[in-house]
Full PDB file with SEQRES, HELIX, SHEET, SSBOND, CRYST1, ORIGX, SCALE, CONECT and MASTER records, all heavy atoms in Angstrom:
SEQRES   1 A   37  ALA ALA ILE SER GLU ALA ARG ASP LYS GLY ASP LEU SER          
SEQRES   2 A   37  GLU ASN ALA GLU TYR ASP ALA ALA LYS GLU ALA GLN ALA          
SEQRES   3 A   37  HIS LEU GLU THR LYS ILE ALA LYS LEU LYS GLY                  
HELIX    1 AA1 ALA A    2  ARG A    7  1                                   6    
HELIX    2 AA2 LEU A   12  GLU A   14  5                                   3    
HELIX    3 AA3 ALA A   16  LYS A   36  1                                  21    
CRYST1    1.000    1.000    1.000  90.00  90.00  90.00 P 1           1          
ORIGX1      1.000000  0.000000  0.000000        0.00000                         
ORIGX2      0.000000  1.000000  0.000000        0.00000                         
ORIGX3      0.000000  0.000000  1.000000        0.00000                         
SCALE1      1.000000  0.000000  0.000000        0.00000                         
SCALE2      0.000000  1.000000  0.000000        0.00000                         
SCALE3      0.000000  0.000000  1.000000        0.00000                         
ATOM      1  N   ALA A   1       2.119  -6.111   5.302  1.00  0.00           N  
ATOM      2  CA  ALA A   1       3.181  -5.875   6.284  1.00  0.00           C  
ATOM      3  C   ALA A   1       3.878  -4.559   6.062  1.00  0.00           C  
ATOM      4  O   ALA A   1       4.159  -3.816   6.974  1.00  0.00           O  
ATOM      5  CB  ALA A   1       4.192  -7.019   6.268  1.00  0.00           C  
ATOM      6  N   ALA A   2       4.087  -4.215   4.790  1.00  0.00           N  
ATOM      7  CA  ALA A   2       4.744  -2.922   4.463  1.00  0.00           C  
ATOM      8  C   ALA A   2       3.875  -1.734   4.878  1.00  0.00           C  
ATOM      9  O   ALA A   2       4.367  -0.744   5.391  1.00  0.00           O  
ATOM     10  CB  ALA A   2       5.057  -2.874   2.962  1.00  0.00           C  
ATOM     11  N   ILE A   3       2.559  -1.873   4.659  1.00  0.00           N  
ATOM     12  CA  ILE A   3       1.639  -0.810   5.081  1.00  0.00           C  
ATOM     13  C   ILE A   3       1.647  -0.647   6.603  1.00  0.00           C  
ATOM     14  O   ILE A   3       1.698   0.459   7.120  1.00  0.00           O  
ATOM     15  CB  ILE A   3       0.181  -1.105   4.543  1.00  0.00           C  
ATOM     16  CG1 ILE A   3       0.154  -0.934   3.014  1.00  0.00           C  
ATOM     17  CG2 ILE A   3      -0.815  -0.177   5.211  1.00  0.00           C  
ATOM     18  CD1 ILE A   3      -1.154  -1.437   2.417  1.00  0.00           C  
ATOM     19  N   SER A   4       1.554  -1.760   7.271  1.00  0.00           N  
ATOM     20  CA  SER A   4       1.583  -1.765   8.752  1.00  0.00           C  
ATOM     21  C   SER A   4       2.868  -1.132   9.285  1.00  0.00           C  
ATOM     22  O   SER A   4       2.812  -0.304  10.212  1.00  0.00           O  
ATOM     23  CB  SER A   4       1.426  -3.195   9.249  1.00  0.00           C  
ATOM     24  OG  SER A   4       1.466  -3.204  10.664  1.00  0.00           O  
ATOM     25  N   GLU A   5       3.966  -1.504   8.709  1.00  0.00           N  
ATOM     26  CA  GLU A   5       5.283  -0.953   9.103  1.00  0.00           C  
ATOM     27  C   GLU A   5       5.337   0.557   8.881  1.00  0.00           C  
ATOM     28  O   GLU A   5       5.792   1.298   9.737  1.00  0.00           O  
ATOM     29  CB  GLU A   5       6.400  -1.662   8.347  1.00  0.00           C  
ATOM     30  CG  GLU A   5       7.805  -1.383   8.823  1.00  0.00           C  
ATOM     31  CD  GLU A   5       8.852  -2.148   8.031  1.00  0.00           C  
ATOM     32  OE1 GLU A   5       8.697  -3.338   7.879  1.00  0.00           O  
ATOM     33  OE2 GLU A   5       9.821  -1.472   7.580  1.00  0.00           O  
ATOM     34  N   ALA A   6       4.886   0.968   7.724  1.00  0.00           N  
ATOM     35  CA  ALA A   6       4.885   2.407   7.392  1.00  0.00           C  
ATOM     36  C   ALA A   6       3.955   3.177   8.315  1.00  0.00           C  
ATOM     37  O   ALA A   6       4.263   4.294   8.732  1.00  0.00           O  
ATOM     38  CB  ALA A   6       4.525   2.603   5.933  1.00  0.00           C  
ATOM     39  N   ARG A   7       2.809   2.589   8.622  1.00  0.00           N  
ATOM     40  CA  ARG A   7       1.837   3.225   9.488  1.00  0.00           C  
ATOM     41  C   ARG A   7       2.395   3.453  10.903  1.00  0.00           C  
ATOM     42  O   ARG A   7       2.117   4.439  11.539  1.00  0.00           O  
ATOM     43  CB  ARG A   7       0.555   2.379   9.580  1.00  0.00           C  
ATOM     44  CG  ARG A   7      -0.605   3.070  10.306  1.00  0.00           C  
ATOM     45  CD  ARG A   7      -1.869   2.209  10.425  1.00  0.00           C  
ATOM     46  NE  ARG A   7      -2.418   1.863   9.105  1.00  0.00           N  
ATOM     47  CZ  ARG A   7      -2.725   0.642   8.739  1.00  0.00           C  
ATOM     48  NH1 ARG A   7      -2.517  -0.368   9.538  1.00  0.00           N  
ATOM     49  NH2 ARG A   7      -3.226   0.415   7.553  1.00  0.00           N  
ATOM     50  N   ASP A   8       3.220   2.495  11.319  1.00  0.00           N  
ATOM     51  CA  ASP A   8       3.809   2.562  12.660  1.00  0.00           C  
ATOM     52  C   ASP A   8       4.859   3.697  12.780  1.00  0.00           C  
ATOM     53  O   ASP A   8       5.284   4.030  13.888  1.00  0.00           O  
ATOM     54  CB  ASP A   8       4.465   1.244  13.047  1.00  0.00           C  
ATOM     55  CG  ASP A   8       3.454   0.120  13.272  1.00  0.00           C  
ATOM     56  OD1 ASP A   8       2.257   0.468  13.409  1.00  0.00           O  
ATOM     57  OD2 ASP A   8       3.819  -1.052  13.243  1.00  0.00           O  
ATOM     58  N   LYS A   9       5.241   4.232  11.654  1.00  0.00           N  
ATOM     59  CA  LYS A   9       6.262   5.329  11.678  1.00  0.00           C  
ATOM     60  C   LYS A   9       5.677   6.706  11.919  1.00  0.00           C  
ATOM     61  O   LYS A   9       6.372   7.684  11.875  1.00  0.00           O  
ATOM     62  CB  LYS A   9       7.079   5.313  10.394  1.00  0.00           C  
ATOM     63  CG  LYS A   9       7.921   4.071  10.267  1.00  0.00           C  
ATOM     64  CD  LYS A   9       8.826   4.078   9.076  1.00  0.00           C  
ATOM     65  CE  LYS A   9       9.666   2.825   9.118  1.00  0.00           C  
ATOM     66  NZ  LYS A   9      10.467   2.638   7.947  1.00  0.00           N  
ATOM     67  N   GLY A  10       4.358   6.767  12.169  1.00  0.00           N  
ATOM     68  CA  GLY A  10       3.758   8.054  12.565  1.00  0.00           C  
ATOM     69  C   GLY A  10       2.961   8.765  11.499  1.00  0.00           C  
ATOM     70  O   GLY A  10       2.226   8.126  10.754  1.00  0.00           O  
ATOM     71  N   ASP A  11       3.070  10.065  11.446  1.00  0.00           N  
ATOM     72  CA  ASP A  11       2.277  10.964  10.641  1.00  0.00           C  
ATOM     73  C   ASP A  11       2.133  10.466   9.193  1.00  0.00           C  
ATOM     74  O   ASP A  11       3.086  10.440   8.434  1.00  0.00           O  
ATOM     75  CB  ASP A  11       2.909  12.382  10.623  1.00  0.00           C  
ATOM     76  CG  ASP A  11       2.072  13.403   9.874  1.00  0.00           C  
ATOM     77  OD1 ASP A  11       0.951  13.036   9.483  1.00  0.00           O  
ATOM     78  OD2 ASP A  11       2.556  14.518   9.679  1.00  0.00           O  
ATOM     79  N   LEU A  12       0.897  10.045   8.833  1.00  0.00           N  
ATOM     80  CA  LEU A  12       0.638   9.479   7.523  1.00  0.00           C  
ATOM     81  C   LEU A  12       0.565  10.526   6.407  1.00  0.00           C  
ATOM     82  O   LEU A  12       0.721  10.231   5.237  1.00  0.00           O  
ATOM     83  CB  LEU A  12      -0.683   8.677   7.536  1.00  0.00           C  
ATOM     84  CG  LEU A  12      -0.716   7.454   8.483  1.00  0.00           C  
ATOM     85  CD1 LEU A  12      -2.039   6.771   8.379  1.00  0.00           C  
ATOM     86  CD2 LEU A  12       0.416   6.498   8.221  1.00  0.00           C  
ATOM     87  N   SER A  13       0.317  11.777   6.765  1.00  0.00           N  
ATOM     88  CA  SER A  13       0.159  12.842   5.747  1.00  0.00           C  
ATOM     89  C   SER A  13       1.485  13.110   5.003  1.00  0.00           C  
ATOM     90  O   SER A  13       1.450  13.575   3.878  1.00  0.00           O  
ATOM     91  CB  SER A  13      -0.371  14.114   6.371  1.00  0.00           C  
ATOM     92  OG  SER A  13       0.570  14.657   7.273  1.00  0.00           O  
ATOM     93  N   GLU A  14       2.584  12.871   5.650  1.00  0.00           N  
ATOM     94  CA  GLU A  14       3.898  13.113   4.992  1.00  0.00           C  
ATOM     95  C   GLU A  14       4.738  11.861   4.958  1.00  0.00           C  
ATOM     96  O   GLU A  14       5.978  11.931   5.063  1.00  0.00           O  
ATOM     97  CB  GLU A  14       4.643  14.245   5.719  1.00  0.00           C  
ATOM     98  CG  GLU A  14       3.917  15.570   5.583  1.00  0.00           C  
ATOM     99  CD  GLU A  14       4.664  16.698   6.312  1.00  0.00           C  
ATOM    100  OE1 GLU A  14       5.867  16.531   6.574  1.00  0.00           O  
ATOM    101  OE2 GLU A  14       4.039  17.750   6.536  1.00  0.00           O  
ATOM    102  N   ASN A  15       4.140  10.714   4.879  1.00  0.00           N  
ATOM    103  CA  ASN A  15       4.841   9.436   4.960  1.00  0.00           C  
ATOM    104  C   ASN A  15       4.879   8.819   3.545  1.00  0.00           C  
ATOM    105  O   ASN A  15       3.924   8.161   3.087  1.00  0.00           O  
ATOM    106  CB  ASN A  15       4.117   8.521   5.942  1.00  0.00           C  
ATOM    107  CG  ASN A  15       4.892   7.261   6.253  1.00  0.00           C  
ATOM    108  OD1 ASN A  15       5.632   6.758   5.410  1.00  0.00           O  
ATOM    109  ND2 ASN A  15       4.693   6.740   7.436  1.00  0.00           N  
ATOM    110  N   ALA A  16       6.013   9.008   2.863  1.00  0.00           N  
ATOM    111  CA  ALA A  16       6.197   8.483   1.505  1.00  0.00           C  
ATOM    112  C   ALA A  16       6.125   6.968   1.461  1.00  0.00           C  
ATOM    113  O   ALA A  16       5.619   6.369   0.507  1.00  0.00           O  
ATOM    114  CB  ALA A  16       7.467   9.002   0.909  1.00  0.00           C  
ATOM    115  N   GLU A  17       6.666   6.322   2.503  1.00  0.00           N  
ATOM    116  CA  GLU A  17       6.652   4.832   2.515  1.00  0.00           C  
ATOM    117  C   GLU A  17       5.207   4.321   2.563  1.00  0.00           C  
ATOM    118  O   GLU A  17       4.860   3.355   1.902  1.00  0.00           O  
ATOM    119  CB  GLU A  17       7.392   4.340   3.768  1.00  0.00           C  
ATOM    120  CG  GLU A  17       8.902   4.382   3.628  1.00  0.00           C  
ATOM    121  CD  GLU A  17       9.588   3.806   4.871  1.00  0.00           C  
ATOM    122  OE1 GLU A  17       9.207   2.707   5.328  1.00  0.00           O  
ATOM    123  OE2 GLU A  17      10.487   4.488   5.386  1.00  0.00           O  
ATOM    124  N   TYR A  18       4.372   4.992   3.361  1.00  0.00           N  
ATOM    125  CA  TYR A  18       2.966   4.593   3.485  1.00  0.00           C  
ATOM    126  C   TYR A  18       2.260   4.772   2.149  1.00  0.00           C  
ATOM    127  O   TYR A  18       1.566   3.881   1.694  1.00  0.00           O  
ATOM    128  CB  TYR A  18       2.261   5.434   4.551  1.00  0.00           C  
ATOM    129  CG  TYR A  18       0.828   5.099   4.749  1.00  0.00           C  
ATOM    130  CD1 TYR A  18       0.423   3.936   5.430  1.00  0.00           C  
ATOM    131  CD2 TYR A  18      -0.175   5.904   4.232  1.00  0.00           C  
ATOM    132  CE1 TYR A  18      -0.883   3.618   5.603  1.00  0.00           C  
ATOM    133  CE2 TYR A  18      -1.509   5.601   4.365  1.00  0.00           C  
ATOM    134  CZ  TYR A  18      -1.878   4.449   5.053  1.00  0.00           C  
ATOM    135  OH  TYR A  18      -3.210   4.143   5.225  1.00  0.00           O  
ATOM    136  N   ASP A  19       2.491   5.931   1.494  1.00  0.00           N  
ATOM    137  CA  ASP A  19       1.904   6.176   0.188  1.00  0.00           C  
ATOM    138  C   ASP A  19       2.317   5.139  -0.846  1.00  0.00           C  
ATOM    139  O   ASP A  19       1.488   4.649  -1.598  1.00  0.00           O  
ATOM    140  CB  ASP A  19       2.242   7.593  -0.314  1.00  0.00           C  
ATOM    141  CG  ASP A  19       1.578   8.685   0.515  1.00  0.00           C  
ATOM    142  OD1 ASP A  19       0.574   8.409   1.217  1.00  0.00           O  
ATOM    143  OD2 ASP A  19       2.059   9.818   0.451  1.00  0.00           O  
ATOM    144  N   ALA A  20       3.590   4.796  -0.839  1.00  0.00           N  
ATOM    145  CA  ALA A  20       4.127   3.812  -1.789  1.00  0.00           C  
ATOM    146  C   ALA A  20       3.542   2.449  -1.500  1.00  0.00           C  
ATOM    147  O   ALA A  20       3.167   1.723  -2.448  1.00  0.00           O  
ATOM    148  CB  ALA A  20       5.653   3.763  -1.703  1.00  0.00           C  
ATOM    149  N   ALA A  21       3.427   2.072  -0.252  1.00  0.00           N  
ATOM    150  CA  ALA A  21       2.848   0.764   0.134  1.00  0.00           C  
ATOM    151  C   ALA A  21       1.383   0.683  -0.263  1.00  0.00           C  
ATOM    152  O   ALA A  21       0.908  -0.346  -0.767  1.00  0.00           O  
ATOM    153  CB  ALA A  21       3.056   0.512   1.612  1.00  0.00           C  
ATOM    154  N   LYS A  22       0.635   1.784  -0.055  1.00  0.00           N  
ATOM    155  CA  LYS A  22      -0.788   1.798  -0.445  1.00  0.00           C  
ATOM    156  C   LYS A  22      -0.940   1.705  -1.974  1.00  0.00           C  
ATOM    157  O   LYS A  22      -1.817   1.056  -2.492  1.00  0.00           O  
ATOM    158  CB  LYS A  22      -1.487   3.087   0.082  1.00  0.00           C  
ATOM    159  CG  LYS A  22      -1.717   3.108   1.566  1.00  0.00           C  
ATOM    160  CD  LYS A  22      -2.623   2.022   2.066  1.00  0.00           C  
ATOM    161  CE  LYS A  22      -4.073   2.376   1.845  1.00  0.00           C  
ATOM    162  NZ  LYS A  22      -4.972   1.309   2.365  1.00  0.00           N  
ATOM    163  N   GLU A  23      -0.038   2.363  -2.684  1.00  0.00           N  
ATOM    164  CA  GLU A  23      -0.057   2.320  -4.134  1.00  0.00           C  
ATOM    165  C   GLU A  23       0.239   0.891  -4.615  1.00  0.00           C  
ATOM    166  O   GLU A  23      -0.406   0.372  -5.544  1.00  0.00           O  
ATOM    167  CB  GLU A  23       0.974   3.317  -4.734  1.00  0.00           C  
ATOM    168  CG  GLU A  23       0.775   3.520  -6.204  1.00  0.00           C  
ATOM    169  CD  GLU A  23       1.701   4.615  -6.736  1.00  0.00           C  
ATOM    170  OE1 GLU A  23       1.720   5.725  -6.182  1.00  0.00           O  
ATOM    171  OE2 GLU A  23       2.333   4.363  -7.760  1.00  0.00           O  
ATOM    172  N   ALA A  24       1.238   0.239  -3.981  1.00  0.00           N  
ATOM    173  CA  ALA A  24       1.605  -1.126  -4.313  1.00  0.00           C  
ATOM    174  C   ALA A  24       0.400  -2.064  -4.049  1.00  0.00           C  
ATOM    175  O   ALA A  24       0.139  -2.959  -4.828  1.00  0.00           O  
ATOM    176  CB  ALA A  24       2.812  -1.580  -3.539  1.00  0.00           C  
ATOM    177  N   GLN A  25      -0.303  -1.775  -2.938  1.00  0.00           N  
ATOM    178  CA  GLN A  25      -1.495  -2.591  -2.606  1.00  0.00           C  
ATOM    179  C   GLN A  25      -2.557  -2.471  -3.680  1.00  0.00           C  
ATOM    180  O   GLN A  25      -3.167  -3.426  -4.102  1.00  0.00           O  
ATOM    181  CB  GLN A  25      -2.037  -2.213  -1.248  1.00  0.00           C  
ATOM    182  CG  GLN A  25      -3.263  -3.033  -0.866  1.00  0.00           C  
ATOM    183  CD  GLN A  25      -3.906  -2.565   0.428  1.00  0.00           C  
ATOM    184  OE1 GLN A  25      -3.974  -1.372   0.709  1.00  0.00           O  
ATOM    185  NE2 GLN A  25      -4.436  -3.486   1.222  1.00  0.00           N  
ATOM    186  N   ALA A  26      -2.803  -1.226  -4.116  1.00  0.00           N  
ATOM    187  CA  ALA A  26      -3.835  -1.004  -5.144  1.00  0.00           C  
ATOM    188  C   ALA A  26      -3.474  -1.681  -6.431  1.00  0.00           C  
ATOM    189  O   ALA A  26      -4.327  -2.319  -7.074  1.00  0.00           O  
ATOM    190  CB  ALA A  26      -3.992   0.523  -5.382  1.00  0.00           C  
ATOM    191  N   HIS A  27      -2.213  -1.622  -6.804  1.00  0.00           N  
ATOM    192  CA  HIS A  27      -1.721  -2.293  -8.044  1.00  0.00           C  
ATOM    193  C   HIS A  27      -1.918  -3.788  -7.908  1.00  0.00           C  
ATOM    194  O   HIS A  27      -2.362  -4.465  -8.854  1.00  0.00           O  
ATOM    195  CB  HIS A  27      -0.230  -1.916  -8.275  1.00  0.00           C  
ATOM    196  CG  HIS A  27       0.339  -2.540  -9.472  1.00  0.00           C  
ATOM    197  ND1 HIS A  27       0.006  -2.187 -10.776  1.00  0.00           N  
ATOM    198  CD2 HIS A  27       1.271  -3.550  -9.607  1.00  0.00           C  
ATOM    199  CE1 HIS A  27       0.655  -2.939 -11.627  1.00  0.00           C  
ATOM    200  NE2 HIS A  27       1.441  -3.759 -10.927  1.00  0.00           N  
ATOM    201  N   LEU A  28      -1.549  -4.347  -6.770  1.00  0.00           N  
ATOM    202  CA  LEU A  28      -1.635  -5.801  -6.533  1.00  0.00           C  
ATOM    203  C   LEU A  28      -3.089  -6.246  -6.583  1.00  0.00           C  
ATOM    204  O   LEU A  28      -3.403  -7.230  -7.229  1.00  0.00           O  
ATOM    205  CB  LEU A  28      -1.009  -6.130  -5.180  1.00  0.00           C  
ATOM    206  CG  LEU A  28      -1.096  -7.611  -4.761  1.00  0.00           C  
ATOM    207  CD1 LEU A  28      -0.211  -8.454  -5.687  1.00  0.00           C  
ATOM    208  CD2 LEU A  28      -0.674  -7.806  -3.333  1.00  0.00           C  
ATOM    209  N   GLU A  29      -3.970  -5.500  -5.928  1.00  0.00           N  
ATOM    210  CA  GLU A  29      -5.374  -5.881  -5.902  1.00  0.00           C  
ATOM    211  C   GLU A  29      -6.013  -5.797  -7.298  1.00  0.00           C  
ATOM    212  O   GLU A  29      -6.856  -6.631  -7.638  1.00  0.00           O  
ATOM    213  CB  GLU A  29      -6.170  -5.017  -4.911  1.00  0.00           C  
ATOM    214  CG  GLU A  29      -5.772  -5.255  -3.464  1.00  0.00           C  
ATOM    215  CD  GLU A  29      -5.902  -6.698  -2.950  1.00  0.00           C  
ATOM    216  OE1 GLU A  29      -6.826  -7.431  -3.419  1.00  0.00           O  
ATOM    217  OE2 GLU A  29      -5.122  -7.113  -2.125  1.00  0.00           O  
ATOM    218  N   THR A  30      -5.569  -4.833  -8.089  1.00  0.00           N  
ATOM    219  CA  THR A  30      -6.025  -4.735  -9.480  1.00  0.00           C  
ATOM    220  C   THR A  30      -5.602  -5.980 -10.255  1.00  0.00           C  
ATOM    221  O   THR A  30      -6.378  -6.538 -11.044  1.00  0.00           O  
ATOM    222  CB  THR A  30      -5.484  -3.456 -10.115  1.00  0.00           C  
ATOM    223  OG1 THR A  30      -5.983  -2.333  -9.396  1.00  0.00           O  
ATOM    224  CG2 THR A  30      -5.907  -3.349 -11.608  1.00  0.00           C  
ATOM    225  N   LYS A  31      -4.342  -6.371 -10.071  1.00  0.00           N  
ATOM    226  CA  LYS A  31      -3.821  -7.546 -10.795  1.00  0.00           C  
ATOM    227  C   LYS A  31      -4.579  -8.824 -10.369  1.00  0.00           C  
ATOM    228  O   LYS A  31      -4.911  -9.667 -11.211  1.00  0.00           O  
ATOM    229  CB  LYS A  31      -2.311  -7.660 -10.548  1.00  0.00           C  
ATOM    230  CG  LYS A  31      -1.635  -8.653 -11.423  1.00  0.00           C  
ATOM    231  CD  LYS A  31      -0.133  -8.532 -11.341  1.00  0.00           C  
ATOM    232  CE  LYS A  31       0.525  -9.456 -12.322  1.00  0.00           C  
ATOM    233  NZ  LYS A  31       1.986  -9.374 -12.315  1.00  0.00           N  
ATOM    234  N   ILE A  32      -4.815  -8.959  -9.068  1.00  0.00           N  
ATOM    235  CA  ILE A  32      -5.535 -10.104  -8.539  1.00  0.00           C  
ATOM    236  C   ILE A  32      -6.951 -10.154  -9.143  1.00  0.00           C  
ATOM    237  O   ILE A  32      -7.420 -11.209  -9.628  1.00  0.00           O  
ATOM    238  CB  ILE A  32      -5.584 -10.094  -7.017  1.00  0.00           C  
ATOM    239  CG1 ILE A  32      -4.187 -10.417  -6.431  1.00  0.00           C  
ATOM    240  CG2 ILE A  32      -6.642 -11.049  -6.475  1.00  0.00           C  
ATOM    241  CD1 ILE A  32      -4.053 -10.243  -4.926  1.00  0.00           C  
ATOM    242  N   ALA A  33      -7.625  -9.002  -9.186  1.00  0.00           N  
ATOM    243  CA  ALA A  33      -8.961  -8.935  -9.745  1.00  0.00           C  
ATOM    244  C   ALA A  33      -8.957  -9.326 -11.218  1.00  0.00           C  
ATOM    245  O   ALA A  33      -9.848 -10.021 -11.716  1.00  0.00           O  
ATOM    246  CB  ALA A  33      -9.555  -7.554  -9.533  1.00  0.00           C  
ATOM    247  N   LYS A  34      -7.942  -8.823 -11.940  1.00  0.00           N  
ATOM    248  CA  LYS A  34      -7.830  -9.120 -13.382  1.00  0.00           C  
ATOM    249  C   LYS A  34      -7.670 -10.642 -13.609  1.00  0.00           C  
ATOM    250  O   LYS A  34      -8.329 -11.228 -14.453  1.00  0.00           O  
ATOM    251  CB  LYS A  34      -6.665  -8.356 -13.987  1.00  0.00           C  
ATOM    252  CG  LYS A  34      -6.532  -8.588 -15.468  1.00  0.00           C  
ATOM    253  CD  LYS A  34      -5.346  -7.779 -16.045  1.00  0.00           C  
ATOM    254  CE  LYS A  34      -5.203  -8.097 -17.532  1.00  0.00           C  
ATOM    255  NZ  LYS A  34      -3.953  -7.657 -18.062  1.00  0.00           N  
ATOM    256  N   LEU A  35      -6.776 -11.268 -12.821  1.00  0.00           N  
ATOM    257  CA  LEU A  35      -6.518 -12.710 -12.959  1.00  0.00           C  
ATOM    258  C   LEU A  35      -7.810 -13.492 -12.622  1.00  0.00           C  
ATOM    259  O   LEU A  35      -8.142 -14.471 -13.312  1.00  0.00           O  
ATOM    260  CB  LEU A  35      -5.383 -13.171 -12.090  1.00  0.00           C  
ATOM    261  CG  LEU A  35      -4.000 -12.703 -12.521  1.00  0.00           C  
ATOM    262  CD1 LEU A  35      -2.939 -13.167 -11.508  1.00  0.00           C  
ATOM    263  CD2 LEU A  35      -3.651 -13.219 -13.921  1.00  0.00           C  
ATOM    264  N   LYS A  36      -8.537 -13.073 -11.567  1.00  0.00           N  
ATOM    265  CA  LYS A  36      -9.787 -13.740 -11.213  1.00  0.00           C  
ATOM    266  C   LYS A  36     -10.797 -13.624 -12.349  1.00  0.00           C  
ATOM    267  O   LYS A  36     -11.510 -14.584 -12.619  1.00  0.00           O  
ATOM    268  CB  LYS A  36     -10.359 -13.149  -9.885  1.00  0.00           C  
ATOM    269  CG  LYS A  36      -9.619 -13.626  -8.677  1.00  0.00           C  
ATOM    270  CD  LYS A  36     -10.249 -13.074  -7.403  1.00  0.00           C  
ATOM    271  CE  LYS A  36      -9.565 -13.642  -6.170  1.00  0.00           C  
ATOM    272  NZ  LYS A  36     -10.244 -13.167  -4.931  1.00  0.00           N  
ATOM    273  N   GLY A  37     -10.841 -12.486 -12.987  1.00  0.00           N  
ATOM    274  CA  GLY A  37     -11.710 -12.279 -14.131  1.00  0.00           C  
ATOM    275  C   GLY A  37     -11.340 -13.161 -15.286  1.00  0.00           C  
ATOM    276  O   GLY A  37     -12.247 -13.774 -15.920  1.00  0.00           O  
TER     277      GLY A  37                                                      
MASTER        0    0    0    3    0    0    0    6  276    1    0    3          
END                                                                             
């Protein structure tokens, strides 16, 4: 939802919220993969 909201705010090249949300997603997916392992 945070990625979608940030994406809706326009230009992704200078969108700090989008970058932060993508980074949070990567961190979350890494943690999920680790727990599954």
